[in-house]
C-alpha atoms as a PDB file:
ATOM      1  CA  MET A   1       1.359   7.065 -18.594  1.00  0.00           C
ATOM      2  CA  ALA A   2      -1.074   8.794 -16.136  1.00  0.00           C
ATOM      3  CA  ILE A   3      -1.781   5.249 -14.583  1.00  0.00           C
ATOM      4  CA  LEU A   4       1.855   5.062 -13.414  1.00  0.00           C
ATOM      5  CA  GLY A   5       1.477   8.354 -11.911  1.00  0.00           C
ATOM      6  CA  TYR A   6      -1.305   6.780  -9.753  1.00  0.00           C
ATOM      7  CA  ILE A   7       0.794   3.740  -9.085  1.00  0.00           C
ATOM      8  CA  ASP A   8       4.003   5.852  -8.001  1.00  0.00           C
ATOM      9  CA  SER A   9       1.709   7.874  -5.480  1.00  0.00           C
ATOM     10  CA  PRO A  10       1.914   6.753  -1.930  1.00  0.00           C
ATOM     11  CA  LEU A  11      -1.818   8.157  -1.552  1.00  0.00           C
ATOM     12  CA  SER A  12      -2.954   5.134  -3.760  1.00  0.00           C
ATOM     13  CA  TRP A  13      -1.227   2.379  -1.915  1.00  0.00           C
ATOM     14  CA  ALA A  14      -2.714   4.258   1.238  1.00  0.00           C
ATOM     15  CA  ILE A  15      -6.240   4.385   0.333  1.00  0.00           C
ATOM     16  CA  ILE A  16      -5.784   0.442  -0.941  1.00  0.00           C
ATOM     17  CA  GLY A  17      -4.193  -0.382   2.562  1.00  0.00           C
ATOM     18  CA  PHE A  18      -6.758   1.313   4.456  1.00  0.00           C
ATOM     19  CA  ALA A  19      -9.550  -0.306   2.660  1.00  0.00           C
ATOM     20  CA  ILE A  20      -8.339  -3.743   3.366  1.00  0.00           C
ATOM     21  CA  GLY A  21      -7.689  -3.181   7.288  1.00  0.00           C
ATOM     22  CA  ALA A  22     -10.953  -1.334   7.467  1.00  0.00           C
ATOM     23  CA  ALA A  23     -13.080  -3.884   5.582  1.00  0.00           C
ATOM     24  CA  LEU A  24     -11.339  -7.062   6.796  1.00  0.00           C
ATOM     25  CA  GLY A  25      -9.867  -6.355  10.340  1.00  0.00           C
ATOM     26  CA  VAL A  26      -7.014  -8.660  11.261  1.00  0.00           C
ATOM     27  CA  THR A  27      -8.281 -11.542   9.663  1.00  0.00           C
ATOM     28  CA  PHE A  28      -5.968 -14.426   7.529  1.00  0.00           C
ATOM     29  CA  ILE A  29      -7.697 -12.978   4.218  1.00  0.00           C
ATOM     30  CA  SER A  30      -6.355  -9.266   5.168  1.00  0.00           C
ATOM     31  CA  VAL A  31      -3.135 -10.446   5.915  1.00  0.00           C
ATOM     32  CA  ALA A  32      -2.755 -12.385   2.788  1.00  0.00           C
ATOM     33  CA  LEU A  33      -4.087  -9.553   0.811  1.00  0.00           C
ATOM     34  CA  LEU A  34      -1.288  -7.509   2.558  1.00  0.00           C
ATOM     35  CA  ALA A  35       1.298  -9.975   1.865  1.00  0.00           C
ATOM     36  CA  VAL A  36       0.319  -9.972  -2.018  1.00  0.00           C
ATOM     37  CA  GLY A  37       0.212  -6.000  -1.731  1.00  0.00           C
ATOM     38  CA  LEU A  38       3.648  -5.962  -0.521  1.00  0.00           C
ATOM     39  CA  GLY A  39       4.659  -8.681  -3.477  1.00  0.00           C
ATOM     40  CA  ALA A  40       2.966  -6.538  -5.866  1.00  0.00           C
ATOM     41  CA  PHE A  41       5.202  -3.467  -4.659  1.00  0.00           C
ATOM     42  CA  VAL A  42       8.516  -5.224  -4.839  1.00  0.00           C
ATOM     43  CA  LEU A  43       7.582  -6.644  -8.286  1.00  0.00           C
ATOM     44  CA  TYR A  44       6.494  -2.951  -9.530  1.00  0.00           C
ATOM     45  CA  MET A  45       9.931  -1.847  -7.909  1.00  0.00           C
ATOM     46  CA  PHE A  46      11.897  -4.440 -10.076  1.00  0.00           C
ATOM     47  CA  LEU A  47       9.808  -3.608 -13.262  1.00  0.00           C
ATOM     48  CA  HIS A  48       9.771   0.089 -12.546  1.00  0.00           C
ATOM     49  CA  GLY A  49      13.561   0.452 -13.094  1.00  0.00           C
ATOM     50  CA  PRO A  50      15.853   2.899 -11.386  1.00  0.00           C
ATOM     51  CA  ALA A  51      14.443   5.714  -9.476  1.00  0.00           C
ATOM     52  CA  ARG A  52      15.142   9.475 -10.392  1.00  0.00           C
ATOM     53  CA  ARG A  53      16.375  11.541  -7.757  1.00  0.00           C
ATOM     54  CA  GLU A  54      13.365  14.040  -7.723  1.00  0.00           C
ATOM     55  CA  THR A  55      10.613  11.052  -7.553  1.00  0.00           C
ATOM     56  CA  GLU A  56      12.789   8.251  -5.323  1.00  0.00           C
ATOM     57  CA  GLY A  57      11.475   9.362  -1.834  1.00  0.00           C
ATOM     58  CA  LYS A  58       7.807   9.197  -3.212  1.00  0.00           C
ATOM     59  CA  LEU A  59       8.402   5.839  -5.046  1.00  0.00           C
ATOM     60  CA  PHE A  60       9.894   4.095  -2.094  1.00  0.00           C
ATOM     61  CA  ALA A  61       7.445   5.754   0.596  1.00  0.00           C
ATOM     62  CA  ALA A  62       4.502   3.734  -0.959  1.00  0.00           C
ATOM     63  CA  CYS A  63       5.420   0.396   0.859  1.00  0.00           C
ATOM     64  CA  PRO A  64       5.620   1.780   4.762  1.00  0.00           C
ATOM     65  CA  VAL A  65       2.611   3.930   4.013  1.00  0.00           C
ATOM     66  CA  PHE A  66       0.780   1.066   2.807  1.00  0.00           C
ATOM     67  CA  ILE A  67       1.453  -1.062   5.828  1.00  0.00           C
ATOM     68  CA  VAL A  68       0.662   1.993   8.400  1.00  0.00           C
ATOM     69  CA  ALA A  69      -2.677   2.725   6.450  1.00  0.00           C
ATOM     70  CA  TRP A  70      -3.587  -1.281   6.895  1.00  0.00           C
ATOM     71  CA  MET A  71      -2.850  -0.745  10.565  1.00  0.00           C
ATOM     72  CA  VAL A  72      -4.766   2.332  10.846  1.00  0.00           C
ATOM     73  CA  GLY A  73      -7.959   0.583   8.970  1.00  0.00           C
ATOM     74  CA  PHE A  74      -7.978  -2.272  11.180  1.00  0.00           C
ATOM     75  CA  VAL A  75      -7.857  -0.141  14.253  1.00  0.00           C
ATOM     76  CA  VAL A  76     -10.773   1.779  12.596  1.00  0.00           C
ATOM     77  CA  HIS A  77     -12.420  -1.488  12.055  1.00  0.00           C
ATOM     78  CA  ASN A  78     -12.044  -2.549  15.678  1.00  0.00           C
ATOM     79  CA  LEU A  79     -13.546   0.380  16.763  1.00  0.00           C
ATOM     80  CA  VAL A  80     -16.495   0.568  14.758  1.00  0.00           C
ATOM     81  CA  LEU A  81     -17.435  -2.759  15.485  1.00  0.00           C
END
C-alpha cells in the first residue's frame, strides 16, 4: 500500500519528469518517454478507480506537474550545456 502513496504523489511524477528533461533535453527519446509517462498516468487513473474527495486534487495534479517538471528539466539541460 505504501507504493501507491508514492505513485499518487505529484512529487514523484515531478522528479521523474524533471529527470527525463534534464538528462535528455528535447529529443525524440525524451518526448517518447514523456508520451509513455502520460499514457502510464492515464492507465493508472483508469486502474485507480474513483478518487476520494480528500485526495482528488493531489491525484489529478500529477499529470500537469509531470509535464511542467519535464519542461523545467529541459530548460536546465540547455542552460547547463
